[in-house]
Amino acid sequence: MKIVKKINNFVFSIEKILAIILAIGLLVSLAAGVFFRYVLKNPLFWSDELAIFCLIWITFIGGSLSLKEKASPSITILTDLVPIKYKKYVQALSNIILLAFVAYILYLTIVWISMPSILVQTSTAMNIPKIYFYFSIPVSFVFSVFHVLANIFIDFSDREKEESLQ
């Protein structure tokens, strides 16, 4: 179980670094756009598009980060009604449903990105392939699948330890 936690933490570190780099890129792009537009009177036509590119990536990476930290919003009406003794099973079921959902979205994304029409699309201002925008979805969902799987393994190993101590 230690290896799962180490790999999970390593992936989490990569995601945090990516999010920081993208946030800096977003800030610099927007600041440069404002500076060039209002101070130099020569607007950068690509700064807004780059900021959107960074924001898209941050959004999807942030979603994956929240799954690792178990910080995503949840509705706990059902789990609050379940006796404490059965909460671990309800939590395991919810993690399995979440894993199925994330894996299905990952599958759909891979099918979508594989379409020939997606490969030829380019961005308007920067004239780069839009596939770089679109890759944020499968990359973040691969991370998400890993985090949900790790959460399931970690939860079960922690529960087994708790049960053995009782």
N, C-alpha and C. Protein backbone atom coordinates (compact mmCIF):
# COMPACT_ATOMS: atom_id res chain seq x y z
N MET A 1 0.82 -1.19 0.00
CA MET A 1 0.00 0.00 0.00
C MET A 1 0.86 1.26 0.00
N LYS A 2 2.07 1.13 0.51
CA LYS A 2 2.98 2.29 0.51
C LYS A 2 3.29 2.75 -0.90
N ILE A 3 3.45 1.81 -1.82
CA ILE A 3 3.78 2.17 -3.20
C ILE A 3 2.63 2.94 -3.84
N VAL A 4 1.39 2.54 -3.54
CA VAL A 4 0.23 3.25 -4.09
C VAL A 4 0.20 4.68 -3.56
N LYS A 5 0.45 4.84 -2.27
CA LYS A 5 0.46 6.18 -1.69
C LYS A 5 1.59 7.03 -2.28
N LYS A 6 2.76 6.43 -2.48
CA LYS A 6 3.89 7.18 -3.05
C LYS A 6 3.60 7.62 -4.48
N ILE A 7 3.08 6.72 -5.28
CA ILE A 7 2.75 7.06 -6.67
C ILE A 7 1.64 8.11 -6.70
N ASN A 8 0.65 7.93 -5.85
CA ASN A 8 -0.45 8.89 -5.76
C ASN A 8 0.07 10.28 -5.39
N ASN A 9 0.96 10.34 -4.43
CA ASN A 9 1.55 11.62 -4.02
C ASN A 9 2.43 12.21 -5.12
N PHE A 10 3.13 11.36 -5.85
CA PHE A 10 3.96 11.83 -6.96
C PHE A 10 3.11 12.45 -8.06
N VAL A 11 2.03 11.77 -8.44
CA VAL A 11 1.11 12.31 -9.44
C VAL A 11 0.52 13.62 -8.95
N PHE A 12 0.17 13.67 -7.67
CA PHE A 12 -0.36 14.89 -7.06
C PHE A 12 0.65 16.03 -7.15
N SER A 13 1.92 15.73 -6.94
CA SER A 13 2.98 16.74 -7.04
C SER A 13 3.08 17.28 -8.47
N ILE A 14 3.02 16.38 -9.44
CA ILE A 14 3.06 16.81 -10.84
C ILE A 14 1.88 17.72 -11.14
N GLU A 15 0.71 17.35 -10.65
CA GLU A 15 -0.48 18.17 -10.89
C GLU A 15 -0.35 19.55 -10.25
N LYS A 16 0.17 19.60 -9.04
CA LYS A 16 0.35 20.90 -8.38
C LYS A 16 1.33 21.77 -9.14
N ILE A 17 2.42 21.19 -9.61
CA ILE A 17 3.41 21.96 -10.39
C ILE A 17 2.78 22.46 -11.68
N LEU A 18 2.04 21.58 -12.36
CA LEU A 18 1.35 22.00 -13.59
C LEU A 18 0.37 23.14 -13.31
N ALA A 19 -0.38 23.02 -12.23
CA ALA A 19 -1.36 24.07 -11.89
C ALA A 19 -0.67 25.39 -11.59
N ILE A 20 0.45 25.35 -10.90
CA ILE A 20 1.20 26.58 -10.59
C ILE A 20 1.74 27.21 -11.87
N ILE A 21 2.34 26.40 -12.72
CA ILE A 21 2.88 26.92 -13.99
C ILE A 21 1.77 27.52 -14.85
N LEU A 22 0.64 26.84 -14.92
CA LEU A 22 -0.48 27.33 -15.71
C LEU A 22 -1.08 28.62 -15.12
N ALA A 23 -1.14 28.68 -13.79
CA ALA A 23 -1.65 29.90 -13.14
C ALA A 23 -0.72 31.09 -13.41
N ILE A 24 0.57 30.84 -13.37
CA ILE A 24 1.53 31.90 -13.69
C ILE A 24 1.38 32.31 -15.16
N GLY A 25 1.23 31.34 -16.04
CA GLY A 25 1.01 31.64 -17.46
C GLY A 25 -0.25 32.46 -17.67
N LEU A 26 -1.31 32.11 -16.96
CA LEU A 26 -2.57 32.85 -17.04
C LEU A 26 -2.39 34.29 -16.59
N LEU A 27 -1.74 34.46 -15.45
CA LEU A 27 -1.51 35.81 -14.89
C LEU A 27 -0.63 36.65 -15.82
N VAL A 28 0.46 36.08 -16.28
CA VAL A 28 1.38 36.82 -17.16
C VAL A 28 0.69 37.17 -18.48
N SER A 29 -0.06 36.24 -19.02
CA SER A 29 -0.75 36.49 -20.29
C SER A 29 -1.75 37.63 -20.15
N LEU A 30 -2.55 37.60 -19.10
CA LEU A 30 -3.54 38.66 -18.91
C LEU A 30 -2.88 40.00 -18.60
N ALA A 31 -1.86 39.97 -17.76
CA ALA A 31 -1.16 41.22 -17.41
C ALA A 31 -0.48 41.81 -18.65
N ALA A 32 0.15 40.97 -19.45
CA ALA A 32 0.79 41.46 -20.68
C ALA A 32 -0.25 42.01 -21.65
N GLY A 33 -1.39 41.35 -21.73
CA GLY A 33 -2.45 41.83 -22.60
C GLY A 33 -2.94 43.22 -22.20
N VAL A 34 -3.14 43.41 -20.91
CA VAL A 34 -3.59 44.72 -20.41
C VAL A 34 -2.49 45.77 -20.63
N PHE A 35 -1.26 45.42 -20.31
CA PHE A 35 -0.14 46.37 -20.47
C PHE A 35 0.01 46.80 -21.93
N PHE A 36 0.03 45.83 -22.82
CA PHE A 36 0.21 46.16 -24.24
C PHE A 36 -0.97 46.95 -24.80
N ARG A 37 -2.18 46.61 -24.33
CA ARG A 37 -3.36 47.28 -24.87
C ARG A 37 -3.47 48.72 -24.38
N TYR A 38 -3.28 48.94 -23.07
CA TYR A 38 -3.56 50.27 -22.50
C TYR A 38 -2.32 51.15 -22.33
N VAL A 39 -1.16 50.55 -22.19
CA VAL A 39 0.05 51.36 -22.01
C VAL A 39 0.75 51.58 -23.35
N LEU A 40 0.99 50.51 -24.07
CA LEU A 40 1.71 50.62 -25.34
C LEU A 40 0.79 50.86 -26.54
N LYS A 41 -0.52 50.77 -26.31
CA LYS A 41 -1.52 50.99 -27.38
C LYS A 41 -1.31 50.05 -28.57
N ASN A 42 -0.79 48.88 -28.28
CA ASN A 42 -0.54 47.88 -29.31
C ASN A 42 -0.96 46.52 -28.75
N PRO A 43 -2.25 46.17 -28.84
CA PRO A 43 -2.75 44.96 -28.16
C PRO A 43 -2.13 43.67 -28.69
N LEU A 44 -1.98 42.73 -27.76
CA LEU A 44 -1.54 41.38 -28.12
C LEU A 44 -2.79 40.59 -28.51
N PHE A 45 -2.87 40.15 -29.71
CA PHE A 45 -4.07 39.46 -30.18
C PHE A 45 -4.20 38.06 -29.61
N TRP A 46 -3.12 37.50 -29.09
CA TRP A 46 -3.13 36.12 -28.63
C TRP A 46 -3.21 35.96 -27.11
N SER A 47 -3.11 37.05 -26.34
CA SER A 47 -3.03 36.91 -24.88
C SER A 47 -4.30 36.34 -24.26
N ASP A 48 -5.46 36.74 -24.77
CA ASP A 48 -6.71 36.21 -24.22
C ASP A 48 -6.86 34.72 -24.52
N GLU A 49 -6.47 34.32 -25.69
CA GLU A 49 -6.57 32.91 -26.06
C GLU A 49 -5.63 32.06 -25.21
N LEU A 50 -4.43 32.55 -24.96
CA LEU A 50 -3.50 31.83 -24.09
C LEU A 50 -4.05 31.73 -22.67
N ALA A 51 -4.67 32.80 -22.19
CA ALA A 51 -5.27 32.78 -20.84
C ALA A 51 -6.39 31.74 -20.77
N ILE A 52 -7.20 31.67 -21.81
CA ILE A 52 -8.28 30.67 -21.84
C ILE A 52 -7.69 29.26 -21.86
N PHE A 53 -6.63 29.08 -22.65
CA PHE A 53 -5.93 27.79 -22.72
C PHE A 53 -5.46 27.37 -21.32
N CYS A 54 -4.83 28.30 -20.60
CA CYS A 54 -4.34 28.01 -19.25
C CYS A 54 -5.50 27.72 -18.29
N LEU A 55 -6.58 28.49 -18.41
CA LEU A 55 -7.73 28.31 -17.52
C LEU A 55 -8.39 26.95 -17.74
N ILE A 56 -8.49 26.52 -18.98
CA ILE A 56 -9.07 25.20 -19.28
C ILE A 56 -8.24 24.11 -18.60
N TRP A 57 -6.93 24.18 -18.77
CA TRP A 57 -6.05 23.18 -18.15
C TRP A 57 -6.13 23.22 -16.63
N ILE A 58 -6.13 24.43 -16.05
CA ILE A 58 -6.22 24.56 -14.58
C ILE A 58 -7.51 23.95 -14.07
N THR A 59 -8.60 24.19 -14.77
CA THR A 59 -9.90 23.67 -14.35
C THR A 59 -9.90 22.15 -14.26
N PHE A 60 -9.42 21.50 -15.31
CA PHE A 60 -9.43 20.04 -15.32
C PHE A 60 -8.41 19.45 -14.35
N ILE A 61 -7.24 20.04 -14.27
CA ILE A 61 -6.24 19.56 -13.31
C ILE A 61 -6.74 19.76 -11.88
N GLY A 62 -7.39 20.90 -11.64
CA GLY A 62 -7.96 21.17 -10.31
C GLY A 62 -9.01 20.16 -9.90
N GLY A 63 -9.81 19.71 -10.87
CA GLY A 63 -10.79 18.67 -10.57
C GLY A 63 -10.13 17.38 -10.12
N SER A 64 -9.06 17.02 -10.78
CA SER A 64 -8.32 15.83 -10.39
C SER A 64 -7.67 16.00 -9.01
N LEU A 65 -7.11 17.18 -8.78
CA LEU A 65 -6.51 17.46 -7.47
C LEU A 65 -7.54 17.31 -6.35
N SER A 66 -8.75 17.78 -6.60
CA SER A 66 -9.79 17.70 -5.56
C SER A 66 -10.18 16.26 -5.27
N LEU A 67 -10.10 15.38 -6.27
CA LEU A 67 -10.40 13.97 -6.01
C LEU A 67 -9.34 13.33 -5.13
N LYS A 68 -8.10 13.70 -5.35
CA LYS A 68 -7.02 13.14 -4.51
C LYS A 68 -7.18 13.59 -3.07
N GLU A 69 -7.53 14.86 -2.89
CA GLU A 69 -7.68 15.43 -1.55
C GLU A 69 -9.04 15.13 -0.93
N LYS A 70 -9.90 14.46 -1.68
CA LYS A 70 -11.28 14.18 -1.24
C LYS A 70 -11.98 15.48 -0.86
N ALA A 71 -11.75 16.50 -1.68
CA ALA A 71 -12.30 17.82 -1.40
C ALA A 71 -13.40 18.20 -2.37
N SER A 72 -13.85 17.25 -3.18
CA SER A 72 -14.91 17.58 -4.13
C SER A 72 -16.24 17.63 -3.39
N PRO A 73 -17.16 18.46 -3.88
CA PRO A 73 -18.45 18.58 -3.20
C PRO A 73 -19.21 17.25 -3.24
N SER A 74 -19.96 17.00 -2.19
CA SER A 74 -20.75 15.77 -2.16
C SER A 74 -22.04 16.02 -1.39
N ILE A 75 -23.03 15.22 -1.70
CA ILE A 75 -24.31 15.28 -1.00
C ILE A 75 -24.32 14.10 -0.04
N THR A 76 -24.45 14.39 1.23
CA THR A 76 -24.29 13.34 2.25
C THR A 76 -25.61 12.94 2.91
N ILE A 77 -26.72 13.20 2.26
CA ILE A 77 -28.02 12.86 2.86
C ILE A 77 -28.11 11.37 3.14
N LEU A 78 -27.73 10.54 2.17
CA LEU A 78 -27.82 9.10 2.36
C LEU A 78 -26.79 8.58 3.36
N THR A 79 -25.57 9.06 3.24
CA THR A 79 -24.53 8.54 4.15
C THR A 79 -24.78 8.98 5.58
N ASP A 80 -25.45 10.09 5.79
CA ASP A 80 -25.77 10.52 7.16
C ASP A 80 -26.84 9.63 7.79
N LEU A 81 -27.68 9.01 6.98
CA LEU A 81 -28.75 8.14 7.48
C LEU A 81 -28.27 6.72 7.78
N VAL A 82 -27.15 6.35 7.18
CA VAL A 82 -26.63 4.99 7.31
C VAL A 82 -25.89 4.86 8.65
N PRO A 83 -26.10 3.74 9.35
CA PRO A 83 -25.34 3.53 10.59
C PRO A 83 -23.83 3.53 10.33
N ILE A 84 -23.06 3.96 11.31
CA ILE A 84 -21.61 4.10 11.19
C ILE A 84 -20.97 2.80 10.70
N LYS A 85 -21.48 1.70 11.15
CA LYS A 85 -20.92 0.39 10.80
C LYS A 85 -20.99 0.12 9.29
N TYR A 86 -21.97 0.70 8.60
CA TYR A 86 -22.14 0.46 7.17
C TYR A 86 -21.64 1.61 6.29
N LYS A 87 -21.19 2.69 6.89
CA LYS A 87 -20.75 3.85 6.11
C LYS A 87 -19.58 3.50 5.19
N LYS A 88 -18.70 2.63 5.64
CA LYS A 88 -17.54 2.28 4.81
C LYS A 88 -17.99 1.61 3.51
N TYR A 89 -19.07 0.84 3.56
CA TYR A 89 -19.56 0.17 2.36
C TYR A 89 -20.23 1.17 1.41
N VAL A 90 -20.96 2.11 1.99
CA VAL A 90 -21.58 3.15 1.17
C VAL A 90 -20.50 4.01 0.52
N GLN A 91 -19.46 4.33 1.28
CA GLN A 91 -18.34 5.11 0.73
C GLN A 91 -17.63 4.34 -0.38
N ALA A 92 -17.44 3.05 -0.16
CA ALA A 92 -16.80 2.22 -1.19
C ALA A 92 -17.67 2.17 -2.45
N LEU A 93 -18.97 2.03 -2.28
CA LEU A 93 -19.87 2.02 -3.43
C LEU A 93 -19.82 3.35 -4.17
N SER A 94 -19.81 4.46 -3.44
CA SER A 94 -19.75 5.77 -4.10
C SER A 94 -18.42 5.95 -4.85
N ASN A 95 -17.33 5.44 -4.30
CA ASN A 95 -16.04 5.50 -5.00
C ASN A 95 -16.04 4.65 -6.27
N ILE A 96 -16.70 3.50 -6.20
CA ILE A 96 -16.77 2.64 -7.38
C ILE A 96 -17.63 3.29 -8.46
N ILE A 97 -18.73 3.92 -8.07
CA ILE A 97 -19.57 4.63 -9.04
C ILE A 97 -18.79 5.79 -9.64
N LEU A 98 -18.06 6.52 -8.81
CA LEU A 98 -17.24 7.63 -9.29
C LEU A 98 -16.17 7.12 -10.26
N LEU A 99 -15.54 6.01 -9.95
CA LEU A 99 -14.54 5.43 -10.83
C LEU A 99 -15.16 5.05 -12.17
N ALA A 100 -16.33 4.44 -12.14
CA ALA A 100 -17.00 4.07 -13.39
C ALA A 100 -17.32 5.31 -14.22
N PHE A 101 -17.79 6.37 -13.58
CA PHE A 101 -18.11 7.60 -14.29
C PHE A 101 -16.86 8.22 -14.91
N VAL A 102 -15.80 8.34 -14.12
CA VAL A 102 -14.56 8.96 -14.61
C VAL A 102 -13.95 8.12 -15.73
N ALA A 103 -13.97 6.81 -15.59
CA ALA A 103 -13.42 5.93 -16.63
C ALA A 103 -14.26 6.04 -17.91
N TYR A 104 -15.57 6.15 -17.77
CA TYR A 104 -16.44 6.27 -18.95
C TYR A 104 -16.18 7.60 -19.67
N ILE A 105 -16.06 8.69 -18.92
CA ILE A 105 -15.77 9.98 -19.53
C ILE A 105 -14.40 9.94 -20.21
N LEU A 106 -13.43 9.29 -19.59
CA LEU A 106 -12.11 9.14 -20.20
C LEU A 106 -12.23 8.39 -21.53
N TYR A 107 -12.99 7.32 -21.54
CA TYR A 107 -13.20 6.55 -22.77
C TYR A 107 -13.83 7.43 -23.85
N LEU A 108 -14.90 8.16 -23.51
CA LEU A 108 -15.56 9.03 -24.48
C LEU A 108 -14.61 10.11 -25.00
N THR A 109 -13.78 10.62 -24.13
CA THR A 109 -12.82 11.65 -24.53
C THR A 109 -11.79 11.10 -25.51
N ILE A 110 -11.33 9.90 -25.26
CA ILE A 110 -10.36 9.29 -26.17
C ILE A 110 -10.99 9.04 -27.53
N VAL A 111 -12.23 8.58 -27.54
CA VAL A 111 -12.94 8.39 -28.81
C VAL A 111 -13.08 9.72 -29.52
N TRP A 112 -13.48 10.76 -28.80
CA TRP A 112 -13.68 12.09 -29.38
C TRP A 112 -12.38 12.67 -29.95
N ILE A 113 -11.30 12.58 -29.18
CA ILE A 113 -10.02 13.14 -29.63
C ILE A 113 -9.45 12.35 -30.81
N SER A 114 -9.83 11.11 -30.95
CA SER A 114 -9.34 10.29 -32.05
C SER A 114 -10.00 10.61 -33.39
N MET A 115 -11.04 11.39 -33.35
CA MET A 115 -11.73 11.74 -34.60
C MET A 115 -10.84 12.60 -35.49
N PRO A 116 -10.82 12.32 -36.78
CA PRO A 116 -9.97 13.08 -37.70
C PRO A 116 -10.28 14.58 -37.72
N SER A 117 -11.54 14.95 -37.55
CA SER A 117 -11.91 16.36 -37.60
C SER A 117 -11.30 17.16 -36.44
N ILE A 118 -11.05 16.52 -35.33
CA ILE A 118 -10.46 17.19 -34.17
C ILE A 118 -8.99 17.52 -34.44
N LEU A 119 -8.32 16.64 -35.12
CA LEU A 119 -6.89 16.81 -35.36
C LEU A 119 -6.55 17.98 -36.27
N VAL A 120 -7.50 18.42 -37.10
CA VAL A 120 -7.20 19.50 -38.04
C VAL A 120 -7.62 20.88 -37.54
N GLN A 121 -8.30 20.94 -36.40
CA GLN A 121 -8.75 22.23 -35.89
C GLN A 121 -7.58 23.02 -35.32
N THR A 122 -7.56 24.33 -35.60
CA THR A 122 -6.53 25.20 -35.04
C THR A 122 -7.18 26.37 -34.32
N SER A 123 -6.47 26.92 -33.36
CA SER A 123 -7.00 28.06 -32.61
C SER A 123 -6.98 29.30 -33.50
N THR A 124 -7.83 30.25 -33.17
CA THR A 124 -7.99 31.43 -34.01
C THR A 124 -6.79 32.37 -33.94
N ALA A 125 -6.40 32.75 -32.74
CA ALA A 125 -5.37 33.77 -32.59
C ALA A 125 -3.95 33.20 -32.66
N MET A 126 -3.70 32.12 -31.96
CA MET A 126 -2.34 31.58 -31.89
C MET A 126 -2.05 30.62 -33.04
N ASN A 127 -3.10 30.16 -33.71
CA ASN A 127 -2.96 29.25 -34.84
C ASN A 127 -2.21 27.96 -34.47
N ILE A 128 -2.48 27.46 -33.27
CA ILE A 128 -1.92 26.18 -32.85
C ILE A 128 -3.03 25.13 -32.88
N PRO A 129 -2.69 23.87 -33.01
CA PRO A 129 -3.73 22.83 -33.02
C PRO A 129 -4.54 22.84 -31.71
N LYS A 130 -5.85 22.76 -31.85
CA LYS A 130 -6.73 22.76 -30.68
C LYS A 130 -6.60 21.49 -29.86
N ILE A 131 -5.95 20.49 -30.42
CA ILE A 131 -5.76 19.24 -29.69
C ILE A 131 -5.03 19.49 -28.37
N TYR A 132 -4.18 20.53 -28.32
CA TYR A 132 -3.47 20.86 -27.09
C TYR A 132 -4.44 21.35 -26.02
N PHE A 133 -5.49 22.02 -26.42
CA PHE A 133 -6.55 22.41 -25.48
C PHE A 133 -7.29 21.15 -25.02
N TYR A 134 -7.63 20.33 -26.01
CA TYR A 134 -8.46 19.16 -25.74
C TYR A 134 -7.74 18.10 -24.90
N PHE A 135 -6.43 18.04 -24.98
CA PHE A 135 -5.68 17.05 -24.20
C PHE A 135 -5.84 17.26 -22.69
N SER A 136 -6.28 18.43 -22.28
CA SER A 136 -6.49 18.66 -20.84
C SER A 136 -7.51 17.68 -20.27
N ILE A 137 -8.47 17.29 -21.08
CA ILE A 137 -9.53 16.40 -20.58
C ILE A 137 -9.01 14.98 -20.33
N PRO A 138 -8.42 14.31 -21.33
CA PRO A 138 -7.95 12.95 -21.02
C PRO A 138 -6.82 12.92 -20.00
N VAL A 139 -5.93 13.91 -20.04
CA VAL A 139 -4.84 13.92 -19.06
C VAL A 139 -5.40 14.01 -17.64
N SER A 140 -6.32 14.93 -17.43
CA SER A 140 -6.88 15.09 -16.08
C SER A 140 -7.72 13.89 -15.67
N PHE A 141 -8.41 13.27 -16.63
CA PHE A 141 -9.21 12.11 -16.28
C PHE A 141 -8.34 10.86 -16.04
N VAL A 142 -7.19 10.76 -16.68
CA VAL A 142 -6.25 9.68 -16.34
C VAL A 142 -5.78 9.88 -14.89
N PHE A 143 -5.42 11.11 -14.56
CA PHE A 143 -5.04 11.41 -13.17
C PHE A 143 -6.19 11.11 -12.22
N SER A 144 -7.40 11.46 -12.62
CA SER A 144 -8.58 11.25 -11.77
C SER A 144 -8.83 9.76 -11.54
N VAL A 145 -8.73 8.96 -12.60
CA VAL A 145 -8.90 7.51 -12.46
C VAL A 145 -7.88 6.98 -11.46
N PHE A 146 -6.65 7.43 -11.61
CA PHE A 146 -5.61 6.95 -10.68
C PHE A 146 -5.92 7.36 -9.25
N HIS A 147 -6.34 8.61 -9.04
CA HIS A 147 -6.63 9.08 -7.67
C HIS A 147 -7.81 8.33 -7.05
N VAL A 148 -8.84 8.08 -7.84
CA VAL A 148 -10.00 7.35 -7.30
C VAL A 148 -9.60 5.91 -6.97
N LEU A 149 -8.84 5.27 -7.86
CA LEU A 149 -8.36 3.91 -7.56
C LEU A 149 -7.50 3.90 -6.30
N ALA A 150 -6.61 4.87 -6.18
CA ALA A 150 -5.76 4.95 -4.99
C ALA A 150 -6.61 5.17 -3.75
N ASN A 151 -7.61 6.03 -3.85
CA ASN A 151 -8.49 6.27 -2.69
C ASN A 151 -9.21 4.99 -2.27
N ILE A 152 -9.65 4.21 -3.25
CA ILE A 152 -10.32 2.94 -2.94
C ILE A 152 -9.36 2.00 -2.23
N PHE A 153 -8.16 1.82 -2.78
CA PHE A 153 -7.17 0.93 -2.15
C PHE A 153 -6.79 1.41 -0.76
N ILE A 154 -6.55 2.70 -0.63
CA ILE A 154 -6.14 3.25 0.67
C ILE A 154 -7.26 3.12 1.69
N ASP A 155 -8.49 3.41 1.27
CA ASP A 155 -9.63 3.27 2.19
C ASP A 155 -9.78 1.84 2.67
N PHE A 156 -9.67 0.87 1.74
CA PHE A 156 -9.82 -0.53 2.15
C PHE A 156 -8.66 -0.98 3.04
N SER A 157 -7.46 -0.55 2.75
CA SER A 157 -6.33 -0.96 3.61
C SER A 157 -6.44 -0.32 4.99
N ASP A 158 -6.90 0.93 5.05
CA ASP A 158 -7.09 1.59 6.34
C ASP A 158 -8.20 0.92 7.13
N ARG A 159 -9.27 0.51 6.45
CA ARG A 159 -10.38 -0.16 7.13
C ARG A 159 -9.97 -1.52 7.65
N GLU A 160 -9.16 -2.23 6.86
CA GLU A 160 -8.68 -3.54 7.31
C GLU A 160 -7.83 -3.40 8.55
N LYS A 161 -7.00 -2.34 8.60
CA LYS A 161 -6.18 -2.08 9.79
C LYS A 161 -7.06 -1.76 10.99
N GLU A 162 -8.09 -0.94 10.78
CA GLU A 162 -9.01 -0.59 11.87
C GLU A 162 -9.72 -1.82 12.40
N GLU A 163 -10.19 -2.68 11.48
CA GLU A 163 -10.91 -3.88 11.90
C GLU A 163 -9.99 -4.85 12.63
N SER A 164 -8.75 -4.94 12.23
CA SER A 164 -7.81 -5.85 12.90
C SER A 164 -7.44 -5.35 14.30
N LEU A 165 -7.53 -4.03 14.51
CA LEU A 165 -7.22 -3.48 15.83
C LEU A 165 -8.37 -3.66 16.81
N GLN A 166 -9.59 -3.85 16.28
CA GLN A 166 -10.76 -3.95 17.16
C GLN A 166 -10.95 -5.32 17.70
